PDB file of N, CA and C in Angstrom:
ATOM      1  N   MET A   1      32.856  -5.182 -47.325  1.00  0.00           N
ATOM      2  CA  MET A   1      31.809  -4.720 -46.510  1.00  0.00           C
ATOM      3  C   MET A   1      30.355  -5.227 -47.121  1.00  0.00           C
ATOM      4  N   ASN A   2      29.518  -5.896 -46.640  1.00  0.00           N
ATOM      5  CA  ASN A   2      28.448  -6.435 -47.378  1.00  0.00           C
ATOM      6  C   ASN A   2      27.175  -5.622 -46.660  1.00  0.00           C
ATOM      7  N   GLY A   3      27.518  -4.551 -45.747  1.00  0.00           N
ATOM      8  CA  GLY A   3      26.460  -3.689 -45.230  1.00  0.00           C
ATOM      9  C   GLY A   3      25.656  -4.078 -44.001  1.00  0.00           C
ATOM     10  N   VAL A   4      26.201  -5.474 -43.980  1.00  0.00           N
ATOM     11  CA  VAL A   4      25.006  -5.766 -42.441  1.00  0.00           C
ATOM     12  C   VAL A   4      26.056  -5.608 -41.759  1.00  0.00           C
ATOM     13  N   PRO A   5      25.663  -4.930 -40.137  1.00  0.00           N
ATOM     14  CA  PRO A   5      26.156  -4.871 -39.244  1.00  0.00           C
ATOM     15  C   PRO A   5      27.143  -6.436 -38.537  1.00  0.00           C
ATOM     16  N   PRO A   6      27.803  -5.891 -38.035  1.00  0.00           N
ATOM     17  CA  PRO A   6      28.520  -7.570 -37.205  1.00  0.00           C
ATOM     18  C   PRO A   6      27.763  -7.761 -35.951  1.00  0.00           C
ATOM     19  N   ASP A   7      27.516  -8.590 -35.389  1.00  0.00           N
ATOM     20  CA  ASP A   7      26.475  -9.035 -34.168  1.00  0.00           C
ATOM     21  C   ASP A   7      27.077  -8.187 -33.068  1.00  0.00           C
ATOM     22  N   ASP A   8      27.948  -7.855 -33.097  1.00  0.00           N
ATOM     23  CA  ASP A   8      28.204  -7.091 -31.586  1.00  0.00           C
ATOM     24  C   ASP A   8      27.598  -5.375 -31.800  1.00  0.00           C
ATOM     25  N   GLU A   9      27.010  -5.135 -32.783  1.00  0.00           N
ATOM     26  CA  GLU A   9      26.821  -3.683 -33.195  1.00  0.00           C
ATOM     27  C   GLU A   9      25.488  -3.796 -33.299  1.00  0.00           C
ATOM     28  N   ASP A  10      24.921  -2.506 -32.702  1.00  0.00           N
ATOM     29  CA  ASP A  10      23.471  -2.668 -32.776  1.00  0.00           C
ATOM     30  C   ASP A  10      22.980  -1.428 -34.012  1.00  0.00           C
ATOM     31  N   VAL A  11      22.038  -2.098 -34.795  1.00  0.00           N
ATOM     32  CA  VAL A  11      21.474  -0.812 -35.886  1.00  0.00           C
ATOM     33  C   VAL A  11      20.926   0.230 -35.300  1.00  0.00           C
ATOM     34  N   PHE A  12      20.334   0.619 -34.064  1.00  0.00           N
ATOM     35  CA  PHE A  12      20.233   1.612 -33.860  1.00  0.00           C
ATOM     36  C   PHE A  12      20.343   1.566 -32.043  1.00  0.00           C
ATOM     37  N   PRO A  13      20.733   2.484 -31.296  1.00  0.00           N
ATOM     38  CA  PRO A  13      20.523   2.458 -29.828  1.00  0.00           C
ATOM     39  C   PRO A  13      19.411   1.406 -29.284  1.00  0.00           C
ATOM     40  N   GLY A  14      19.268   0.699 -28.464  1.00  0.00           N
ATOM     41  CA  GLY A  14      18.582  -0.008 -27.860  1.00  0.00           C
ATOM     42  C   GLY A  14      18.157  -1.054 -28.470  1.00  0.00           C
ATOM     43  N   SER A  15      18.403  -1.491 -30.045  1.00  0.00           N
ATOM     44  CA  SER A  15      17.750  -1.918 -30.761  1.00  0.00           C
ATOM     45  C   SER A  15      17.932  -3.534 -30.526  1.00  0.00           C
ATOM     46  N   ARG A  16      19.039  -4.183 -30.092  1.00  0.00           N
ATOM     47  CA  ARG A  16      19.192  -5.377 -29.554  1.00  0.00           C
ATOM     48  C   ARG A  16      18.658  -5.823 -28.028  1.00  0.00           C
ATOM     49  N   GLY A  17      18.394  -5.132 -27.327  1.00  0.00           N
ATOM     50  CA  GLY A  17      17.770  -4.660 -26.355  1.00  0.00           C
ATOM     51  C   GLY A  17      16.423  -4.865 -26.465  1.00  0.00           C
ATOM     52  N   SER A  18      15.677  -3.951 -27.560  1.00  0.00           N
ATOM     53  CA  SER A  18      14.540  -4.236 -27.755  1.00  0.00           C
ATOM     54  C   SER A  18      14.125  -5.953 -28.388  1.00  0.00           C
ATOM     55  N   ALA A  19      14.585  -6.196 -29.021  1.00  0.00           N
ATOM     56  CA  ALA A  19      14.879  -7.671 -29.887  1.00  0.00           C
ATOM     57  C   ALA A  19      14.315  -8.240 -28.618  1.00  0.00           C
ATOM     58  N   HIS A  20      15.390  -8.636 -27.823  1.00  0.00           N
ATOM     59  CA  HIS A  20      15.314  -9.516 -26.782  1.00  0.00           C
ATOM     60  C   HIS A  20      13.798  -9.188 -25.970  1.00  0.00           C
ATOM     61  N   LEU A  21      13.216  -8.069 -25.582  1.00  0.00           N
ATOM     62  CA  LEU A  21      12.502  -7.737 -24.880  1.00  0.00           C
ATOM     63  C   LEU A  21      11.121  -8.032 -25.382  1.00  0.00           C
ATOM     64  N   VAL A  22      11.023  -7.983 -26.862  1.00  0.00           N
ATOM     65  CA  VAL A  22       9.971  -8.547 -27.796  1.00  0.00           C
ATOM     66  C   VAL A  22       9.747 -10.167 -27.920  1.00  0.00           C
ATOM     67  N   GLU A  23      11.244 -10.806 -27.817  1.00  0.00           N
ATOM     68  CA  GLU A  23      11.252 -12.179 -27.942  1.00  0.00           C
ATOM     69  C   GLU A  23      10.606 -12.591 -26.384  1.00  0.00           C
ATOM     70  N   TRP A  24      11.175 -11.987 -25.166  1.00  0.00           N
ATOM     71  CA  TRP A  24      10.653 -12.490 -24.103  1.00  0.00           C
ATOM     72  C   TRP A  24       9.145 -12.480 -23.575  1.00  0.00           C
ATOM     73  N   ILE A  25       8.015 -11.293 -24.415  1.00  0.00           N
ATOM     74  CA  ILE A  25       7.153 -10.766 -24.058  1.00  0.00           C
ATOM     75  C   ILE A  25       6.646 -11.922 -24.980  1.00  0.00           C
ATOM     76  N   ASP A  26       7.042 -12.318 -26.306  1.00  0.00           N
ATOM     77  CA  ASP A  26       6.092 -13.015 -27.174  1.00  0.00           C
ATOM     78  C   ASP A  26       6.297 -14.596 -26.113  1.00  0.00           C
ATOM     79  N   GLN A  27       7.189 -14.885 -25.747  1.00  0.00           N
ATOM     80  CA  GLN A  27       7.170 -15.923 -24.991  1.00  0.00           C
ATOM     81  C   GLN A  27       6.075 -15.922 -23.821  1.00  0.00           C
ATOM     82  N   GLN A  28       5.575 -15.056 -23.391  1.00  0.00           N
ATOM     83  CA  GLN A  28       5.042 -15.198 -22.211  1.00  0.00           C
ATOM     84  C   GLN A  28       3.510 -14.955 -22.740  1.00  0.00           C
ATOM     85  N   LEU A  29       3.356 -14.569 -24.178  1.00  0.00           N
ATOM     86  CA  LEU A  29       2.043 -14.865 -24.828  1.00  0.00           C
ATOM     87  C   LEU A  29       1.934 -15.783 -25.207  1.00  0.00           C
ATOM     88  N   VAL A  30       3.012 -16.706 -25.737  1.00  0.00           N
ATOM     89  CA  VAL A  30       2.777 -18.138 -26.317  1.00  0.00           C
ATOM     90  C   VAL A  30       2.605 -18.768 -25.077  1.00  0.00           C
ATOM     91  N   ASP A  31       3.151 -18.965 -24.000  1.00  0.00           N
ATOM     92  CA  ASP A  31       2.722 -19.660 -22.815  1.00  0.00           C
ATOM     93  C   ASP A  31       1.381 -19.380 -22.692  1.00  0.00           C
ATOM     94  N   LEU A  32       0.646 -18.266 -22.408  1.00  0.00           N
ATOM     95  CA  LEU A  32      -0.608 -17.580 -21.961  1.00  0.00           C
ATOM     96  C   LEU A  32      -1.688 -18.394 -23.032  1.00  0.00           C
ATOM     97  N   ARG A  33      -1.256 -18.236 -24.382  1.00  0.00           N
ATOM     98  CA  ARG A  33      -2.180 -18.969 -25.385  1.00  0.00           C
ATOM     99  C   ARG A  33      -2.176 -20.457 -25.492  1.00  0.00           C
ATOM    100  N   ASP A  34      -0.668 -21.167 -24.843  1.00  0.00           N
ATOM    101  CA  ASP A  34      -1.075 -22.187 -24.836  1.00  0.00           C
ATOM    102  C   ASP A  34      -1.420 -22.799 -23.188  1.00  0.00           C
ATOM    103  N   GLY A  35      -1.902 -22.164 -22.519  1.00  0.00           N
ATOM    104  CA  GLY A  35      -2.430 -22.755 -21.134  1.00  0.00           C
ATOM    105  C   GLY A  35      -1.898 -22.936 -20.657  1.00  0.00           C
ATOM    106  N   ARG A  36      -0.139 -22.218 -20.447  1.00  0.00           N
ATOM    107  CA  ARG A  36       0.642 -22.201 -19.738  1.00  0.00           C
ATOM    108  C   ARG A  36       0.719 -21.118 -18.432  1.00  0.00           C
ATOM    109  N   VAL A  37      -0.106 -20.822 -17.989  1.00  0.00           N
ATOM    110  CA  VAL A  37      -0.509 -19.404 -17.208  1.00  0.00           C
ATOM    111  C   VAL A  37       0.391 -19.563 -15.967  1.00  0.00           C
ATOM    112  N   ASN A  38       0.538 -20.677 -15.493  1.00  0.00           N
ATOM    113  CA  ASN A  38       1.672 -20.381 -14.508  1.00  0.00           C
ATOM    114  C   ASN A  38       2.776 -20.246 -14.739  1.00  0.00           C
ATOM    115  N   ASP A  39       3.499 -20.623 -15.751  1.00  0.00           N
ATOM    116  CA  ASP A  39       4.487 -20.332 -16.481  1.00  0.00           C
ATOM    117  C   ASP A  39       4.974 -18.937 -16.826  1.00  0.00           C
ATOM    118  N   ALA A  40       3.922 -18.331 -17.490  1.00  0.00           N
ATOM    119  CA  ALA A  40       3.758 -16.532 -17.848  1.00  0.00           C
ATOM    120  C   ALA A  40       3.427 -16.065 -16.073  1.00  0.00           C
ATOM    121  N   ARG A  41       2.974 -16.579 -15.418  1.00  0.00           N
ATOM    122  CA  ARG A  41       2.692 -15.948 -14.261  1.00  0.00           C
ATOM    123  C   ARG A  41       4.432 -15.769 -13.194  1.00  0.00           C
ATOM    124  N   ALA A  42       4.710 -16.975 -13.154  1.00  0.00           N
ATOM    125  CA  ALA A  42       6.225 -17.007 -12.845  1.00  0.00           C
ATOM    126  C   ALA A  42       7.274 -16.180 -13.126  1.00  0.00           C
ATOM    127  N   ALA A  43       7.408 -16.114 -14.917  1.00  0.00           N
ATOM    128  CA  ALA A  43       8.396 -15.213 -15.321  1.00  0.00           C
ATOM    129  C   ALA A  43       8.013 -13.580 -14.733  1.00  0.00           C
ATOM    130  N   LEU A  44       6.541 -13.360 -14.886  1.00  0.00           N
ATOM    131  CA  LEU A  44       6.257 -11.738 -14.545  1.00  0.00           C
ATOM    132  C   LEU A  44       6.394 -11.423 -13.428  1.00  0.00           C
ATOM    133  N   GLU A  45       5.857 -12.434 -12.572  1.00  0.00           N
ATOM    134  CA  GLU A  45       6.377 -12.086 -11.152  1.00  0.00           C
ATOM    135  C   GLU A  45       7.522 -11.957 -10.699  1.00  0.00           C
ATOM    136  N   ALA A  46       8.521 -12.302 -11.312  1.00  0.00           N
ATOM    137  CA  ALA A  46      10.195 -12.633 -10.978  1.00  0.00           C
ATOM    138  C   ALA A  46      10.513 -11.611 -11.687  1.00  0.00           C
ATOM    139  N   GLU A  47       9.833 -10.776 -12.529  1.00  0.00           N
ATOM    140  CA  GLU A  47      10.760  -9.861 -13.344  1.00  0.00           C
ATOM    141  C   GLU A  47      11.708  -9.955 -14.159  1.00  0.00           C
ATOM    142  N   GLU A  48      11.851 -11.383 -14.767  1.00  0.00           N
ATOM    143  CA  GLU A  48      12.629 -12.106 -15.600  1.00  0.00           C
ATOM    144  C   GLU A  48      13.645 -11.022 -16.524  1.00  0.00           C
ATOM    145  N   TRP A  49      12.420 -10.157 -17.066  1.00  0.00           N
ATOM    146  CA  TRP A  49      12.586  -8.850 -18.129  1.00  0.00           C
ATOM    147  C   TRP A  49      14.033  -8.384 -17.945  1.00  0.00           C
ATOM    148  N   ARG A  50      14.065  -8.096 -16.389  1.00  0.00           N
ATOM    149  CA  ARG A  50      14.985  -7.159 -15.854  1.00  0.00           C
ATOM    150  C   ARG A  50      16.632  -7.728 -16.093  1.00  0.00           C
ATOM    151  N   ALA A  51      16.657  -9.176 -16.534  1.00  0.00           N
ATOM    152  CA  ALA A  51      18.068  -9.538 -16.539  1.00  0.00           C
ATOM    153  C   ALA A  51      18.466  -9.326 -17.942  1.00  0.00           C
ATOM    154  N   LEU A  52      17.472  -9.055 -18.884  1.00  0.00           N
ATOM    155  CA  LEU A  52      17.642  -8.448 -20.107  1.00  0.00           C
ATOM    156  C   LEU A  52      18.538  -7.114 -20.408  1.00  0.00           C
ATOM    157  N   ASN A  53      19.391  -7.387 -21.180  1.00  0.00           N
ATOM    158  CA  ASN A  53      20.078  -6.175 -21.564  1.00  0.00           C
ATOM    159  C   ASN A  53      19.224  -5.069 -22.448  1.00  0.00           C
ATOM    160  N   LEU A  54      18.974  -4.262 -21.373  1.00  0.00           N
ATOM    161  CA  LEU A  54      18.221  -2.727 -21.427  1.00  0.00           C
ATOM    162  C   LEU A  54      18.830  -1.459 -21.845  1.00  0.00           C
ATOM    163  N   SER A  55      20.297  -1.532 -22.343  1.00  0.00           N
ATOM    164  CA  SER A  55      21.219  -0.612 -22.367  1.00  0.00           C
ATOM    165  C   SER A  55      20.289  -0.145 -23.976  1.00  0.00           C
ATOM    166  N   GLY A  56      20.514   1.292 -23.494  1.00  0.00           N
ATOM    167  CA  GLY A  56      20.402   2.006 -25.552  1.00  0.00           C
ATOM    168  C   GLY A  56      18.481   2.166 -25.201  1.00  0.00           C
ATOM    169  N   ILE A  57      17.951   1.852 -24.408  1.00  0.00           N
ATOM    170  CA  ILE A  57      16.159   1.862 -24.146  1.00  0.00           C
ATOM    171  C   ILE A  57      16.367   2.862 -23.466  1.00  0.00           C
ATOM    172  N   PRO A  58      15.439   3.691 -24.160  1.00  0.00           N
ATOM    173  CA  PRO A  58      15.314   5.344 -23.384  1.00  0.00           C
ATOM    174  C   PRO A  58      14.872   5.259 -21.999  1.00  0.00           C
ATOM    175  N   GLN A  59      14.680   5.582 -20.561  1.00  0.00           N
ATOM    176  CA  GLN A  59      13.978   5.409 -19.372  1.00  0.00           C
ATOM    177  C   GLN A  59      12.403   5.503 -19.179  1.00  0.00           C
ATOM    178  N   PRO A  60      11.967   6.400 -19.956  1.00  0.00           N
ATOM    179  CA  PRO A  60      10.268   6.797 -19.969  1.00  0.00           C
ATOM    180  C   PRO A  60       9.997   5.303 -20.679  1.00  0.00           C
ATOM    181  N   ILE A  61      10.740   4.721 -21.734  1.00  0.00           N
ATOM    182  CA  ILE A  61      10.066   3.459 -22.507  1.00  0.00           C
ATOM    183  C   ILE A  61      10.068   2.363 -21.357  1.00  0.00           C
ATOM    184  N   VAL A  62      11.115   2.109 -20.683  1.00  0.00           N
ATOM    185  CA  VAL A  62      11.373   1.029 -19.464  1.00  0.00           C
ATOM    186  C   VAL A  62      10.310   1.338 -18.508  1.00  0.00           C
ATOM    187  N   ASN A  63      10.049   2.729 -17.948  1.00  0.00           N
ATOM    188  CA  ASN A  63       9.020   3.336 -16.922  1.00  0.00           C
ATOM    189  C   ASN A  63       7.708   2.307 -17.573  1.00  0.00           C
ATOM    190  N   GLN A  64       7.383   2.622 -18.956  1.00  0.00           N
ATOM    191  CA  GLN A  64       6.284   2.334 -19.744  1.00  0.00           C
ATOM    192  C   GLN A  64       6.250   0.813 -19.618  1.00  0.00           C
ATOM    193  N   LEU A  65       7.113  -0.260 -20.054  1.00  0.00           N
ATOM    194  CA  LEU A  65       7.455  -1.149 -20.202  1.00  0.00           C
ATOM    195  C   LEU A  65       7.027  -2.199 -18.806  1.00  0.00           C
ATOM    196  N   ARG A  66       7.529  -1.384 -17.854  1.00  0.00           N
ATOM    197  CA  ARG A  66       7.430  -2.056 -16.512  1.00  0.00           C
ATOM    198  C   ARG A  66       5.910  -1.855 -15.776  1.00  0.00           C
ATOM    199  N   GLU A  67       5.637  -0.849 -16.029  1.00  0.00           N
ATOM    200  CA  GLU A  67       4.183  -0.596 -15.840  1.00  0.00           C
ATOM    201  C   GLU A  67       3.139  -1.379 -16.267  1.00  0.00           C
ATOM    202  N   SER A  68       3.633  -1.719 -17.688  1.00  0.00           N
ATOM    203  CA  SER A  68       2.545  -2.612 -18.580  1.00  0.00           C
ATOM    204  C   SER A  68       2.660  -4.278 -17.623  1.00  0.00           C
ATOM    205  N   LEU A  69       3.959  -4.546 -17.557  1.00  0.00           N
ATOM    206  CA  LEU A  69       4.344  -6.148 -17.247  1.00  0.00           C
ATOM    207  C   LEU A  69       3.714  -6.048 -15.585  1.00  0.00           C
ATOM    208  N   ASP A  70       3.994  -5.058 -15.177  1.00  0.00           N
ATOM    209  CA  ASP A  70       3.377  -5.287 -13.625  1.00  0.00           C
ATOM    210  C   ASP A  70       2.019  -5.553 -13.762  1.00  0.00           C
ATOM    211  N   HIS A  71       1.017  -4.817 -14.847  1.00  0.00           N
ATOM    212  CA  HIS A  71      -0.488  -5.151 -15.129  1.00  0.00           C
ATOM    213  C   HIS A  71      -0.588  -6.443 -15.156  1.00  0.00           C
ATOM    214  N   ALA A  72       0.267  -7.060 -16.235  1.00  0.00           N
ATOM    215  CA  ALA A  72       0.101  -8.100 -16.453  1.00  0.00           C
ATOM    216  C   ALA A  72       0.016  -9.352 -15.606  1.00  0.00           C
ATOM    217  N   ALA A  73       1.211  -9.320 -14.716  1.00  0.00           N
ATOM    218  CA  ALA A  73       1.560  -9.985 -13.310  1.00  0.00           C
ATOM    219  C   ALA A  73       0.223  -9.817 -12.092  1.00  0.00           C
ATOM    220  N   GLU A  74       0.206  -8.551 -12.296  1.00  0.00           N
ATOM    221  CA  GLU A  74      -1.346  -8.578 -11.276  1.00  0.00           C
ATOM    222  C   GLU A  74      -2.122  -9.264 -11.741  1.00  0.00           C
ATOM    223  N   ALA A  75      -2.703  -9.118 -13.348  1.00  0.00           N
ATOM    224  CA  ALA A  75      -3.828  -9.862 -13.899  1.00  0.00           C
ATOM    225  C   ALA A  75      -3.838 -11.436 -13.405  1.00  0.00           C
ATOM    226  N   LEU A  76      -2.589 -12.034 -13.252  1.00  0.00           N
ATOM    227  CA  LEU A  76      -2.172 -13.156 -13.300  1.00  0.00           C
ATOM    228  C   LEU A  76      -2.596 -13.387 -11.629  1.00  0.00           C
ATOM    229  N   GLY A  77      -2.031 -12.875 -11.067  1.00  0.00           N
ATOM    230  CA  GLY A  77      -1.683 -13.076  -9.456  1.00  0.00           C
ATOM    231  C   GLY A  77      -3.325 -12.806  -8.661  1.00  0.00           C
ATOM    232  N   ASN A  78      -4.169 -11.717  -9.507  1.00  0.00           N
ATOM    233  CA  ASN A  78      -5.575 -11.542  -8.296  1.00  0.00           C
ATOM    234  C   ASN A  78      -6.678 -12.680  -9.411  1.00  0.00           C
ATOM    235  N   PRO A  79      -6.943 -13.292  -8.263  1.00  0.00           N
ATOM    236  CA  PRO A  79      -8.249 -13.894  -8.271  1.00  0.00           C
ATOM    237  C   PRO A  79      -9.137 -13.583  -9.645  1.00  0.00           C
ATOM    238  N   ALA A  80      -9.486 -12.285  -9.181  1.00  0.00           N
ATOM    239  CA  ALA A  80     -10.206 -11.349  -9.877  1.00  0.00           C
ATOM    240  C   ALA A  80      -9.663 -11.276 -11.356  1.00  0.00           C
ATOM    241  N   GLY A  81      -8.843 -11.036 -11.702  1.00  0.00           N
ATOM    242  CA  GLY A  81      -8.036 -10.736 -13.199  1.00  0.00           C
ATOM    243  C   GLY A  81      -7.776 -11.901 -13.624  1.00  0.00           C
ATOM    244  N   SER A  82      -7.525 -11.647 -14.946  1.00  0.00           N
ATOM    245  CA  SER A  82      -7.692 -12.712 -16.399  1.00  0.00           C
ATOM    246  C   SER A  82      -6.581 -12.994 -17.348  1.00  0.00           C
ATOM    247  N   VAL A  83      -6.745 -14.204 -17.856  1.00  0.00           N
ATOM    248  CA  VAL A  83      -5.636 -14.437 -18.880  1.00  0.00           C
ATOM    249  C   VAL A  83      -6.073 -12.989 -20.092  1.00  0.00           C
ATOM    250  N   ALA A  84      -7.016 -13.032 -20.228  1.00  0.00           N
ATOM    251  CA  ALA A  84      -7.270 -11.866 -21.368  1.00  0.00           C
ATOM    252  C   ALA A  84      -6.845 -10.388 -21.175  1.00  0.00           C
ATOM    253  N   GLU A  85      -7.080  -9.655 -19.537  1.00  0.00           N
ATOM    254  CA  GLU A  85      -6.591  -8.601 -19.131  1.00  0.00           C
ATOM    255  C   GLU A  85      -4.825  -8.839 -19.085  1.00  0.00           C
ATOM    256  N   ALA A  86      -4.068  -9.886 -18.776  1.00  0.00           N
ATOM    257  CA  ALA A  86      -2.974  -9.936 -19.023  1.00  0.00           C
ATOM    258  C   ALA A  86      -1.877  -9.852 -20.563  1.00  0.00           C
ATOM    259  N   GLU A  87      -2.729 -10.775 -21.137  1.00  0.00           N
ATOM    260  CA  GLU A  87      -2.431 -10.540 -22.469  1.00  0.00           C
ATOM    261  C   GLU A  87      -2.646  -9.270 -23.331  1.00  0.00           C
ATOM    262  N   ALA A  88      -3.060  -8.672 -22.855  1.00  0.00           N
ATOM    263  CA  ALA A  88      -3.716  -7.248 -23.288  1.00  0.00           C
ATOM    264  C   ALA A  88      -2.839  -6.417 -23.000  1.00  0.00           C
ATOM    265  N   ALA A  89      -2.517  -6.724 -21.737  1.00  0.00           N
ATOM    266  CA  ALA A  89      -1.158  -5.684 -21.050  1.00  0.00           C
ATOM    267  C   ALA A  89       0.512  -6.416 -21.885  1.00  0.00           C
ATOM    268  N   LEU A  90       0.214  -7.327 -21.945  1.00  0.00           N
ATOM    269  CA  LEU A  90       1.816  -7.656 -22.665  1.00  0.00           C
ATOM    270  C   LEU A  90       1.493  -7.532 -24.009  1.00  0.00           C
ATOM    271  N   LEU A  91       0.287  -7.186 -24.787  1.00  0.00           N
ATOM    272  CA  LEU A  91       0.529  -6.848 -25.967  1.00  0.00           C
ATOM    273  C   LEU A  91       0.829  -5.289 -25.638  1.00  0.00           C
ATOM    274  N   MET A  92       0.096  -4.467 -25.156  1.00  0.00           N
ATOM    275  CA  MET A  92       0.647  -3.309 -24.722  1.00  0.00           C
ATOM    276  C   MET A  92       2.147  -3.172 -24.806  1.00  0.00           C
ATOM    277  N   ALA A  93       2.821  -3.486 -23.227  1.00  0.00           N
ATOM    278  CA  ALA A  93       3.878  -3.763 -23.648  1.00  0.00           C
ATOM    279  C   ALA A  93       5.100  -3.895 -24.756  1.00  0.00           C
ATOM    280  N   ARG A  94       4.387  -4.592 -25.713  1.00  0.00           N
ATOM    281  CA  ARG A  94       4.989  -5.403 -26.670  1.00  0.00           C
ATOM    282  C   ARG A  94       5.025  -4.251 -27.664  1.00  0.00           C
ATOM    283  N   SER A  95       3.908  -3.468 -28.101  1.00  0.00           N
ATOM    284  CA  SER A  95       3.736  -2.206 -28.762  1.00  0.00           C
ATOM    285  C   SER A  95       4.823  -1.088 -28.651  1.00  0.00           C
ATOM    286  N   ARG A  96       5.452  -1.043 -27.051  1.00  0.00           N
ATOM    287  CA  ARG A  96       6.263  -0.217 -27.110  1.00  0.00           C
ATOM    288  C   ARG A  96       7.331  -0.028 -28.262  1.00  0.00           C
ATOM    289  N   PHE A  97       7.700  -1.290 -28.585  1.00  0.00           N
ATOM    290  CA  PHE A  97       8.833  -1.641 -29.535  1.00  0.00           C
ATOM    291  C   PHE A  97       8.954  -1.719 -30.926  1.00  0.00           C
ATOM    292  N   MET A  98       7.631  -1.356 -31.305  1.00  0.00           N
ATOM    293  CA  MET A  98       7.589  -1.737 -32.517  1.00  0.00           C
ATOM    294  C   MET A  98       7.342  -0.421 -33.370  1.00  0.00           C
ATOM    295  N   PRO A  99       7.568  -0.342 -34.663  1.00  0.00           N
ATOM    296  CA  PRO A  99       7.959   0.825 -35.304  1.00  0.00           C
ATOM    297  C   PRO A  99       6.653   1.644 -35.366  1.00  0.00           C
ATOM    298  N   GLY A 100       6.893   2.891 -35.252  1.00  0.00           N
ATOM    299  CA  GLY A 100       5.912   4.126 -35.620  1.00  0.00           C
ATOM    300  C   GLY A 100       5.201   4.098 -33.576  1.00  0.00           C
ATOM    301  N   ALA A 101       5.480   3.221 -32.544  1.00  0.00           N
ATOM    302  CA  ALA A 101       4.904   3.372 -31.367  1.00  0.00           C
ATOM    303  C   ALA A 101       5.425   4.538 -30.527  1.00  0.00           C
TER     304      ALA A 101
END
């Protein structure tokens, strides 16, 4: 035994789902920062994150995530919205999965 869990075993419930969500959110942030606003908007509006494995993530956290991602989608879909507003909402969603959050 080397102390490292196998790939199919989570360190704690929801850790794999959380890691995938953070990776997905990071991709949207990169798209925004690289000027690919339409790509980020499409991913948010299509709610691509729902296709990720969310098992083990408590429902209240999923609800907060959804609210933040909905806000980001609205900011990009609304002419009065802004990329900065969407980025702030994405960072808030990401913070739900950081240690101490």
